[in-house]
Amino acid sequence: MPVPEPIKIAKNILSNFFTINVHSILIDQKNGNYTLNSQHSTVETSDTRGRYVLWPLPVREELSDIYSRHPIYFSFIIKINDINKIQELSIKLFKEDTTIIPDSATIPTELLLRVDWLNQSENENIKHAQPHWHIHSYKIIDMLEGRSAADRELFYSLLETDNSQDKNDLLLNDMQDKSLLKKDQKKSDPSKYSEIPIYMFHLAMIAEWDKPNPATQTKILTSTVLEKWLPKCLEYIKLQVEYILEKMKP
């Protein structure tokens, strides 16, 4: 069966982005979903929406040290309909969740960023901007929650007497804030949140609000658009991650 044109385009763009020359960078999951090939990755994760093959996001060589301590993982899914047209595309960025002990071959992760582009039908009621970003909460645990100021001061002073500086710095950084979610809260039900689930906000990516009416915030993802948009989107994500890593350097 011939490979659909959008998949050919996505394969070429992803191969250039990851600087890897493999024909099977995307694999057909037999239901119209094409994902990154697990044969070229040792990392997988899962959540309530499914299972994801993760590839390390490529960054500049001079950021490799800070990146090795704070790796960012990339997943990619593109869905094709029955007539080989693009139905939807999703890019996700994850970080490893070091607060959870893994109990399977997958690594526990936190979803940081999501890019979605859905080709919506005309009769759909909700018209989110297409494409759009979702920014997800960054979970940080305060190990001294509920402790007095004296207890915190004592703990910090004990850390300062330890020579394991790198570990101490990471530990102190992990104690700057508290997790937004409680253990029994589920992302699928916003009513269970004690805070506004801001990750549900659809941040328009290429809205034309600066143009005369009628301005549009929704575009159709075709093969031609994919060929121009995807490499620029990937490069922008990479540049922004590198910018953040640069700011994290000691």
C-alpha atoms as a PDB file:
ATOM      1  CA  MET A   1       0.000   0.000   0.000  1.00  0.00           C
ATOM      2  CA  PRO A   2       1.503   3.364  -0.976  1.00  0.00           C
ATOM      3  CA  VAL A   3       2.532   5.748   1.800  1.00  0.00           C
ATOM      4  CA  PRO A   4       0.137   8.742   2.078  1.00  0.00           C
ATOM      5  CA  GLU A   5       1.648  12.033   0.909  1.00  0.00           C
ATOM      6  CA  PRO A   6       1.377  13.754   4.342  1.00  0.00           C
ATOM      7  CA  ILE A   7       3.351  10.897   5.909  1.00  0.00           C
ATOM      8  CA  LYS A   8       6.104  11.172   3.289  1.00  0.00           C
ATOM      9  CA  ILE A   9       6.384  14.877   4.050  1.00  0.00           C
ATOM     10  CA  ALA A  10       6.386  14.381   7.844  1.00  0.00           C
ATOM     11  CA  LYS A  11       9.031  11.632   7.603  1.00  0.00           C
ATOM     12  CA  ASN A  12      11.361  13.865   5.612  1.00  0.00           C
ATOM     13  CA  ILE A  13      10.937  16.821   7.977  1.00  0.00           C
ATOM     14  CA  LEU A  14      11.434  14.721  11.133  1.00  0.00           C
ATOM     15  CA  SER A  15      14.497  13.005   9.654  1.00  0.00           C
ATOM     16  CA  ASN A  16      16.073  16.410   9.005  1.00  0.00           C
ATOM     17  CA  PHE A  17      15.114  17.703  12.442  1.00  0.00           C
ATOM     18  CA  PHE A  18      16.626  14.729  14.272  1.00  0.00           C
ATOM     19  CA  THR A  19      19.469  14.465  11.743  1.00  0.00           C
ATOM     20  CA  ILE A  20      18.771  10.777  11.350  1.00  0.00           C
ATOM     21  CA  ASN A  21      18.469   9.081   7.981  1.00  0.00           C
ATOM     22  CA  VAL A  22      15.959   6.293   8.514  1.00  0.00           C
ATOM     23  CA  HIS A  23      13.106   5.387   6.221  1.00  0.00           C
ATOM     24  CA  SER A  24      10.905   4.188   9.079  1.00  0.00           C
ATOM     25  CA  ILE A  25      11.067   7.194  11.412  1.00  0.00           C
ATOM     26  CA  LEU A  26       7.238   7.037  11.555  1.00  0.00           C
ATOM     27  CA  ILE A  27       5.348   3.794  11.920  1.00  0.00           C
ATOM     28  CA  ASP A  28       1.742   3.050  11.023  1.00  0.00           C
ATOM     29  CA  GLN A  29      -0.231   1.858  14.037  1.00  0.00           C
ATOM     30  CA  LYS A  30      -2.810   0.340  11.653  1.00  0.00           C
ATOM     31  CA  ASN A  31      -5.591   2.734  12.639  1.00  0.00           C
ATOM     32  CA  GLY A  32      -4.553   5.796  10.661  1.00  0.00           C
ATOM     33  CA  ASN A  33      -2.214   6.918  13.461  1.00  0.00           C
ATOM     34  CA  TYR A  34       1.467   7.325  12.650  1.00  0.00           C
ATOM     35  CA  THR A  35       3.886   7.669  15.572  1.00  0.00           C
ATOM     36  CA  LEU A  36       7.631   7.779  16.099  1.00  0.00           C
ATOM     37  CA  ASN A  37       9.227   4.385  15.627  1.00  0.00           C
ATOM     38  CA  SER A  38      10.035   2.666  18.936  1.00  0.00           C
ATOM     39  CA  GLN A  39      12.927   0.773  17.285  1.00  0.00           C
ATOM     40  CA  HIS A  40      14.907   4.012  17.320  1.00  0.00           C
ATOM     41  CA  SER A  41      14.118   4.888  20.948  1.00  0.00           C
ATOM     42  CA  THR A  42      14.444   3.209  24.336  1.00  0.00           C
ATOM     43  CA  VAL A  43      12.014   5.554  26.077  1.00  0.00           C
ATOM     44  CA  GLU A  44       8.240   5.287  26.313  1.00  0.00           C
ATOM     45  CA  THR A  45       5.613   6.795  28.569  1.00  0.00           C
ATOM     46  CA  SER A  46       1.859   6.591  29.003  1.00  0.00           C
ATOM     47  CA  ASP A  47      -1.054   8.596  30.361  1.00  0.00           C
ATOM     48  CA  THR A  48      -4.846   8.499  30.275  1.00  0.00           C
ATOM     49  CA  ARG A  49      -4.811   9.252  26.534  1.00  0.00           C
ATOM     50  CA  GLY A  50      -2.481   6.463  25.516  1.00  0.00           C
ATOM     51  CA  ARG A  51       1.114   5.334  25.162  1.00  0.00           C
ATOM     52  CA  TYR A  52       3.861   7.454  23.596  1.00  0.00           C
ATOM     53  CA  VAL A  53       7.222   6.691  22.056  1.00  0.00           C
ATOM     54  CA  LEU A  54       9.631   9.407  23.178  1.00  0.00           C
ATOM     55  CA  TRP A  55      12.721  10.750  21.456  1.00  0.00           C
ATOM     56  CA  PRO A  56      15.123  13.173  23.159  1.00  0.00           C
ATOM     57  CA  LEU A  57      14.679  16.662  21.772  1.00  0.00           C
ATOM     58  CA  PRO A  58      17.877  17.686  19.934  1.00  0.00           C
ATOM     59  CA  VAL A  59      19.690  20.703  21.410  1.00  0.00           C
ATOM     60  CA  ARG A  60      22.986  22.491  20.812  1.00  0.00           C
ATOM     61  CA  GLU A  61      26.121  20.634  21.889  1.00  0.00           C
ATOM     62  CA  GLU A  62      27.164  23.309  24.379  1.00  0.00           C
ATOM     63  CA  LEU A  63      23.922  22.704  26.313  1.00  0.00           C
ATOM     64  CA  SER A  64      24.469  18.954  26.605  1.00  0.00           C
ATOM     65  CA  ASP A  65      25.559  19.088  30.258  1.00  0.00           C
ATOM     66  CA  ILE A  66      22.495  20.921  31.580  1.00  0.00           C
ATOM     67  CA  TYR A  67      20.303  18.936  29.177  1.00  0.00           C
ATOM     68  CA  SER A  68      21.603  15.625  30.552  1.00  0.00           C
ATOM     69  CA  ARG A  69      20.263  16.663  33.980  1.00  0.00           C
ATOM     70  CA  HIS A  70      16.987  18.036  32.602  1.00  0.00           C
ATOM     71  CA  PRO A  71      16.162  16.052  29.467  1.00  0.00           C
ATOM     72  CA  ILE A  72      13.136  17.010  27.400  1.00  0.00           C
ATOM     73  CA  TYR A  73      11.371  14.240  25.491  1.00  0.00           C
ATOM     74  CA  PHE A  74       9.445  14.640  22.251  1.00  0.00           C
ATOM     75  CA  SER A  75       6.478  12.693  20.886  1.00  0.00           C
ATOM     76  CA  PHE A  76       4.759  13.049  17.527  1.00  0.00           C
ATOM     77  CA  ILE A  77       1.458  11.686  16.230  1.00  0.00           C
ATOM     78  CA  ILE A  78      -0.235  12.391  12.920  1.00  0.00           C
ATOM     79  CA  LYS A  79      -3.589  10.845  12.020  1.00  0.00           C
ATOM     80  CA  ILE A  80      -4.726  10.248   8.451  1.00  0.00           C
ATOM     81  CA  ASN A  81      -8.361   9.692   7.458  1.00  0.00           C
ATOM     82  CA  ASP A  82      -9.787   7.190   4.967  1.00  0.00           C
ATOM     83  CA  ILE A  83      -8.971   9.369   1.950  1.00  0.00           C
ATOM     84  CA  ASN A  84      -5.361   9.968   3.048  1.00  0.00           C
ATOM     85  CA  LYS A  85      -5.997  13.522   4.231  1.00  0.00           C
ATOM     86  CA  ILE A  86      -4.672  14.836   7.545  1.00  0.00           C
ATOM     87  CA  GLN A  87      -7.211  14.511  10.351  1.00  0.00           C
ATOM     88  CA  GLU A  88      -5.073  15.750  13.218  1.00  0.00           C
ATOM     89  CA  LEU A  89      -1.502  16.278  14.387  1.00  0.00           C
ATOM     90  CA  SER A  90      -0.099  16.395  17.908  1.00  0.00           C
ATOM     91  CA  ILE A  91       3.344  17.231  19.298  1.00  0.00           C
ATOM     92  CA  LYS A  92       4.080  16.773  22.994  1.00  0.00           C
ATOM     93  CA  LEU A  93       7.041  17.677  25.174  1.00  0.00           C
ATOM     94  CA  PHE A  94       7.629  15.740  28.396  1.00  0.00           C
ATOM     95  CA  LYS A  95      10.029  15.848  31.309  1.00  0.00           C
ATOM     96  CA  GLU A  96      10.839  12.898  33.506  1.00  0.00           C
ATOM     97  CA  ASP A  97       8.821  12.858  36.724  1.00  0.00           C
ATOM     98  CA  THR A  98      11.425  12.087  39.387  1.00  0.00           C
ATOM     99  CA  THR A  99       8.785  12.080  42.152  1.00  0.00           C
ATOM    100  CA  ILE A 100       7.414   8.734  40.937  1.00  0.00           C
ATOM    101  CA  ILE A 101       9.199   5.379  41.083  1.00  0.00           C
ATOM    102  CA  PRO A 102       8.680   3.556  37.771  1.00  0.00           C
ATOM    103  CA  ASP A 103       6.976   0.175  38.021  1.00  0.00           C
ATOM    104  CA  SER A 104       7.166  -0.842  34.349  1.00  0.00           C
ATOM    105  CA  ALA A 105       9.243  -0.377  31.204  1.00  0.00           C
ATOM    106  CA  THR A 106       7.806   3.113  30.702  1.00  0.00           C
ATOM    107  CA  ILE A 107       9.236   6.134  32.473  1.00  0.00           C
ATOM    108  CA  PRO A 108       6.977   8.392  34.554  1.00  0.00           C
ATOM    109  CA  THR A 109       6.708  11.790  32.922  1.00  0.00           C
ATOM    110  CA  GLU A 110       5.067  15.171  33.189  1.00  0.00           C
ATOM    111  CA  LEU A 111       3.518  16.716  30.110  1.00  0.00           C
ATOM    112  CA  LEU A 112       4.899  20.235  29.699  1.00  0.00           C
ATOM    113  CA  LEU A 113       3.747  21.464  26.316  1.00  0.00           C
ATOM    114  CA  ARG A 114       1.366  20.324  23.617  1.00  0.00           C
ATOM    115  CA  VAL A 115       0.812  21.448  20.036  1.00  0.00           C
ATOM    116  CA  ASP A 116      -2.438  20.299  18.432  1.00  0.00           C
ATOM    117  CA  TRP A 117      -3.889  20.855  14.969  1.00  0.00           C
ATOM    118  CA  LEU A 118      -7.298  19.331  14.264  1.00  0.00           C
ATOM    119  CA  ASN A 119      -9.080  19.663  10.966  1.00  0.00           C
ATOM    120  CA  GLN A 120     -12.521  20.332  12.423  1.00  0.00           C
ATOM    121  CA  SER A 121     -15.742  19.736  10.524  1.00  0.00           C
ATOM    122  CA  GLU A 122     -18.036  22.662   9.821  1.00  0.00           C
ATOM    123  CA  ASN A 123     -20.801  21.350  12.107  1.00  0.00           C
ATOM    124  CA  GLU A 124     -18.685  21.208  15.276  1.00  0.00           C
ATOM    125  CA  ASN A 125     -19.977  23.527  17.986  1.00  0.00           C
ATOM    126  CA  ILE A 126     -16.695  24.429  19.708  1.00  0.00           C
ATOM    127  CA  LYS A 127     -14.298  26.280  17.440  1.00  0.00           C
ATOM    128  CA  HIS A 128     -10.876  26.289  19.042  1.00  0.00           C
ATOM    129  CA  ALA A 129      -8.072  28.007  17.185  1.00  0.00           C
ATOM    130  CA  GLN A 130      -6.281  25.605  14.878  1.00  0.00           C
ATOM    131  CA  PRO A 131      -3.403  25.067  15.346  1.00  0.00           C
ATOM    132  CA  HIS A 132      -2.976  25.844  19.037  1.00  0.00           C
ATOM    133  CA  TRP A 133      -0.683  25.376  22.031  1.00  0.00           C
ATOM    134  CA  HIS A 134      -1.493  23.955  25.461  1.00  0.00           C
ATOM    135  CA  ILE A 135       0.764  24.844  28.390  1.00  0.00           C
ATOM    136  CA  HIS A 136       0.614  22.262  31.164  1.00  0.00           C
ATOM    137  CA  SER A 137       1.336  22.692  34.866  1.00  0.00           C
ATOM    138  CA  TYR A 138       4.846  21.990  36.077  1.00  0.00           C
ATOM    139  CA  LYS A 139       4.579  19.774  39.142  1.00  0.00           C
ATOM    140  CA  ILE A 140       7.032  20.623  41.922  1.00  0.00           C
ATOM    141  CA  ILE A 141       6.910  19.038  45.354  1.00  0.00           C
ATOM    142  CA  ASP A 142       7.682  20.944  48.546  1.00  0.00           C
ATOM    143  CA  MET A 143       9.267  18.337  50.841  1.00  0.00           C
ATOM    144  CA  LEU A 144       8.974  20.688  53.816  1.00  0.00           C
ATOM    145  CA  GLU A 145       5.322  21.585  53.371  1.00  0.00           C
ATOM    146  CA  GLY A 146       3.760  22.430  56.714  1.00  0.00           C
ATOM    147  CA  ARG A 147       7.107  22.760  58.480  1.00  0.00           C
ATOM    148  CA  SER A 148       8.044  25.817  60.506  1.00  0.00           C
ATOM    149  CA  ALA A 149      10.548  28.424  59.351  1.00  0.00           C
ATOM    150  CA  ALA A 150      13.007  27.121  61.979  1.00  0.00           C
ATOM    151  CA  ASP A 151      12.765  23.586  60.583  1.00  0.00           C
ATOM    152  CA  ARG A 152      13.367  24.857  57.069  1.00  0.00           C
ATOM    153  CA  GLU A 153      16.381  26.889  58.167  1.00  0.00           C
ATOM    154  CA  LEU A 154      17.851  23.876  59.971  1.00  0.00           C
ATOM    155  CA  PHE A 155      17.331  21.644  56.923  1.00  0.00           C
ATOM    156  CA  TYR A 156      18.977  24.139  54.559  1.00  0.00           C
ATOM    157  CA  SER A 157      21.939  24.575  56.906  1.00  0.00           C
ATOM    158  CA  LEU A 158      22.453  20.805  57.006  1.00  0.00           C
ATOM    159  CA  LEU A 159      22.427  20.683  53.226  1.00  0.00           C
ATOM    160  CA  GLU A 160      25.089  23.377  53.082  1.00  0.00           C
ATOM    161  CA  THR A 161      27.435  21.224  55.197  1.00  0.00           C
ATOM    162  CA  ASP A 162      27.109  18.331  52.702  1.00  0.00           C
ATOM    163  CA  ASN A 163      29.646  18.159  49.889  1.00  0.00           C
ATOM    164  CA  SER A 164      27.167  16.728  47.387  1.00  0.00           C
ATOM    165  CA  GLN A 165      26.564  20.164  45.928  1.00  0.00           C
ATOM    166  CA  ASP A 166      25.030  19.089  42.637  1.00  0.00           C
ATOM    167  CA  LYS A 167      22.463  16.905  44.365  1.00  0.00           C
ATOM    168  CA  ASN A 168      21.733  19.611  46.901  1.00  0.00           C
ATOM    169  CA  ASP A 169      21.133  22.200  44.195  1.00  0.00           C
ATOM    170  CA  LEU A 170      18.678  19.896  42.464  1.00  0.00           C
ATOM    171  CA  LEU A 171      16.928  19.145  45.751  1.00  0.00           C
ATOM    172  CA  LEU A 172      16.616  22.812  46.654  1.00  0.00           C
ATOM    173  CA  ASN A 173      15.277  23.613  43.204  1.00  0.00           C
ATOM    174  CA  ASP A 174      12.659  20.875  43.597  1.00  0.00           C
ATOM    175  CA  MET A 175      11.420  22.473  46.814  1.00  0.00           C
ATOM    176  CA  GLN A 176      10.540  25.894  45.473  1.00  0.00           C
ATOM    177  CA  ASP A 177       6.838  25.244  45.029  1.00  0.00           C
ATOM    178  CA  LYS A 178       4.043  22.807  45.631  1.00  0.00           C
ATOM    179  CA  SER A 179       2.187  20.569  43.212  1.00  0.00           C
ATOM    180  CA  LEU A 180      -0.984  22.027  41.767  1.00  0.00           C
ATOM    181  CA  LEU A 181      -2.792  18.693  41.963  1.00  0.00           C
ATOM    182  CA  LYS A 182      -3.806  16.506  44.849  1.00  0.00           C
ATOM    183  CA  LYS A 183      -3.242  12.762  44.556  1.00  0.00           C
ATOM    184  CA  ASP A 184      -6.891  11.949  43.940  1.00  0.00           C
ATOM    185  CA  GLN A 185      -7.441  14.620  41.288  1.00  0.00           C
ATOM    186  CA  LYS A 186      -7.851  13.614  37.667  1.00  0.00           C
ATOM    187  CA  LYS A 187      -7.162  15.836  34.683  1.00  0.00           C
ATOM    188  CA  SER A 188     -10.173  14.457  32.866  1.00  0.00           C
ATOM    189  CA  ASP A 189     -12.540  16.158  35.321  1.00  0.00           C
ATOM    190  CA  PRO A 190     -11.924  19.918  35.783  1.00  0.00           C
ATOM    191  CA  SER A 191     -14.406  20.050  38.682  1.00  0.00           C
ATOM    192  CA  LYS A 192     -11.872  18.144  40.809  1.00  0.00           C
ATOM    193  CA  TYR A 193      -9.293  20.930  40.582  1.00  0.00           C
ATOM    194  CA  SER A 194      -8.614  23.304  43.419  1.00  0.00           C
ATOM    195  CA  GLU A 195      -7.129  25.679  40.837  1.00  0.00           C
ATOM    196  CA  ILE A 196      -8.192  26.695  37.328  1.00  0.00           C
ATOM    197  CA  PRO A 197      -7.060  23.991  34.830  1.00  0.00           C
ATOM    198  CA  ILE A 198      -5.257  26.482  32.628  1.00  0.00           C
ATOM    199  CA  TYR A 199      -3.900  23.693  30.422  1.00  0.00           C
ATOM    200  CA  MET A 200      -7.348  23.617  28.776  1.00  0.00           C
ATOM    201  CA  PHE A 201      -6.752  27.078  27.328  1.00  0.00           C
ATOM    202  CA  HIS A 202      -6.229  26.828  23.548  1.00  0.00           C
ATOM    203  CA  LEU A 203      -3.473  29.330  22.742  1.00  0.00           C
ATOM    204  CA  ALA A 204      -3.861  30.323  19.098  1.00  0.00           C
ATOM    205  CA  MET A 205      -0.695  29.738  17.095  1.00  0.00           C
ATOM    206  CA  ILE A 206      -1.230  31.467  13.748  1.00  0.00           C
ATOM    207  CA  ALA A 207      -4.293  33.678  14.244  1.00  0.00           C
ATOM    208  CA  GLU A 208      -4.668  36.593  11.849  1.00  0.00           C
ATOM    209  CA  TRP A 209      -6.169  39.038  14.316  1.00  0.00           C
ATOM    210  CA  ASP A 210      -4.089  41.859  12.872  1.00  0.00           C
ATOM    211  CA  LYS A 211      -5.851  41.630   9.509  1.00  0.00           C
ATOM    212  CA  PRO A 212      -9.141  43.284   8.482  1.00  0.00           C
ATOM    213  CA  ASN A 213     -12.361  41.410   9.097  1.00  0.00           C
ATOM    214  CA  PRO A 214     -13.088  38.632   8.652  1.00  0.00           C
ATOM    215  CA  ALA A 215      -9.870  37.606  10.419  1.00  0.00           C
ATOM    216  CA  THR A 216      -9.283  33.894  10.944  1.00  0.00           C
ATOM    217  CA  GLN A 217      -7.765  31.896  13.784  1.00  0.00           C
ATOM    218  CA  THR A 218      -8.376  28.505  12.199  1.00  0.00           C
ATOM    219  CA  LYS A 219      -6.592  27.032   9.197  1.00  0.00           C
ATOM    220  CA  ILE A 220      -6.859  23.687   7.438  1.00  0.00           C
ATOM    221  CA  LEU A 221      -3.803  21.441   7.671  1.00  0.00           C
ATOM    222  CA  THR A 222      -3.058  20.174   4.176  1.00  0.00           C
ATOM    223  CA  SER A 223       0.055  18.467   2.839  1.00  0.00           C
ATOM    224  CA  THR A 224       1.220  21.771   1.360  1.00  0.00           C
ATOM    225  CA  VAL A 225       0.729  23.610   4.650  1.00  0.00           C
ATOM    226  CA  LEU A 226       2.400  20.775   6.587  1.00  0.00           C
ATOM    227  CA  GLU A 227       5.513  20.992   4.434  1.00  0.00           C
ATOM    228  CA  LYS A 228       5.952  24.689   5.263  1.00  0.00           C
ATOM    229  CA  TRP A 229       4.649  24.811   8.832  1.00  0.00           C
ATOM    230  CA  LEU A 230       6.095  21.709  10.540  1.00  0.00           C
ATOM    231  CA  PRO A 231       9.849  22.435  10.132  1.00  0.00           C
ATOM    232  CA  LYS A 232       9.356  26.013  11.369  1.00  0.00           C
ATOM    233  CA  CYS A 233       7.288  24.844  14.333  1.00  0.00           C
ATOM    234  CA  LEU A 234       9.896  22.238  15.314  1.00  0.00           C
ATOM    235  CA  GLU A 235      12.725  24.739  14.997  1.00  0.00           C
ATOM    236  CA  TYR A 236      10.872  27.269  17.160  1.00  0.00           C
ATOM    237  CA  ILE A 237      10.253  24.647  19.874  1.00  0.00           C
ATOM    238  CA  LYS A 238      13.933  23.713  19.794  1.00  0.00           C
ATOM    239  CA  LEU A 239      15.056  27.341  20.038  1.00  0.00           C
ATOM    240  CA  GLN A 240      12.759  28.012  22.986  1.00  0.00           C
ATOM    241  CA  VAL A 241      13.905  24.902  24.869  1.00  0.00           C
ATOM    242  CA  GLU A 242      17.517  25.926  24.256  1.00  0.00           C
ATOM    243  CA  TYR A 243      16.705  29.414  25.549  1.00  0.00           C
ATOM    244  CA  ILE A 244      15.298  27.938  28.772  1.00  0.00           C
ATOM    245  CA  LEU A 245      18.270  25.589  29.218  1.00  0.00           C
ATOM    246  CA  GLU A 246      20.618  28.526  28.699  1.00  0.00           C
ATOM    247  CA  LYS A 247      18.881  30.381  31.530  1.00  0.00           C
ATOM    248  CA  MET A 248      19.246  27.323  33.782  1.00  0.00           C
ATOM    249  CA  LYS A 249      23.012  27.124  33.395  1.00  0.00           C
ATOM    250  CA  PRO A 250      24.914  27.968  36.606  1.00  0.00           C
END
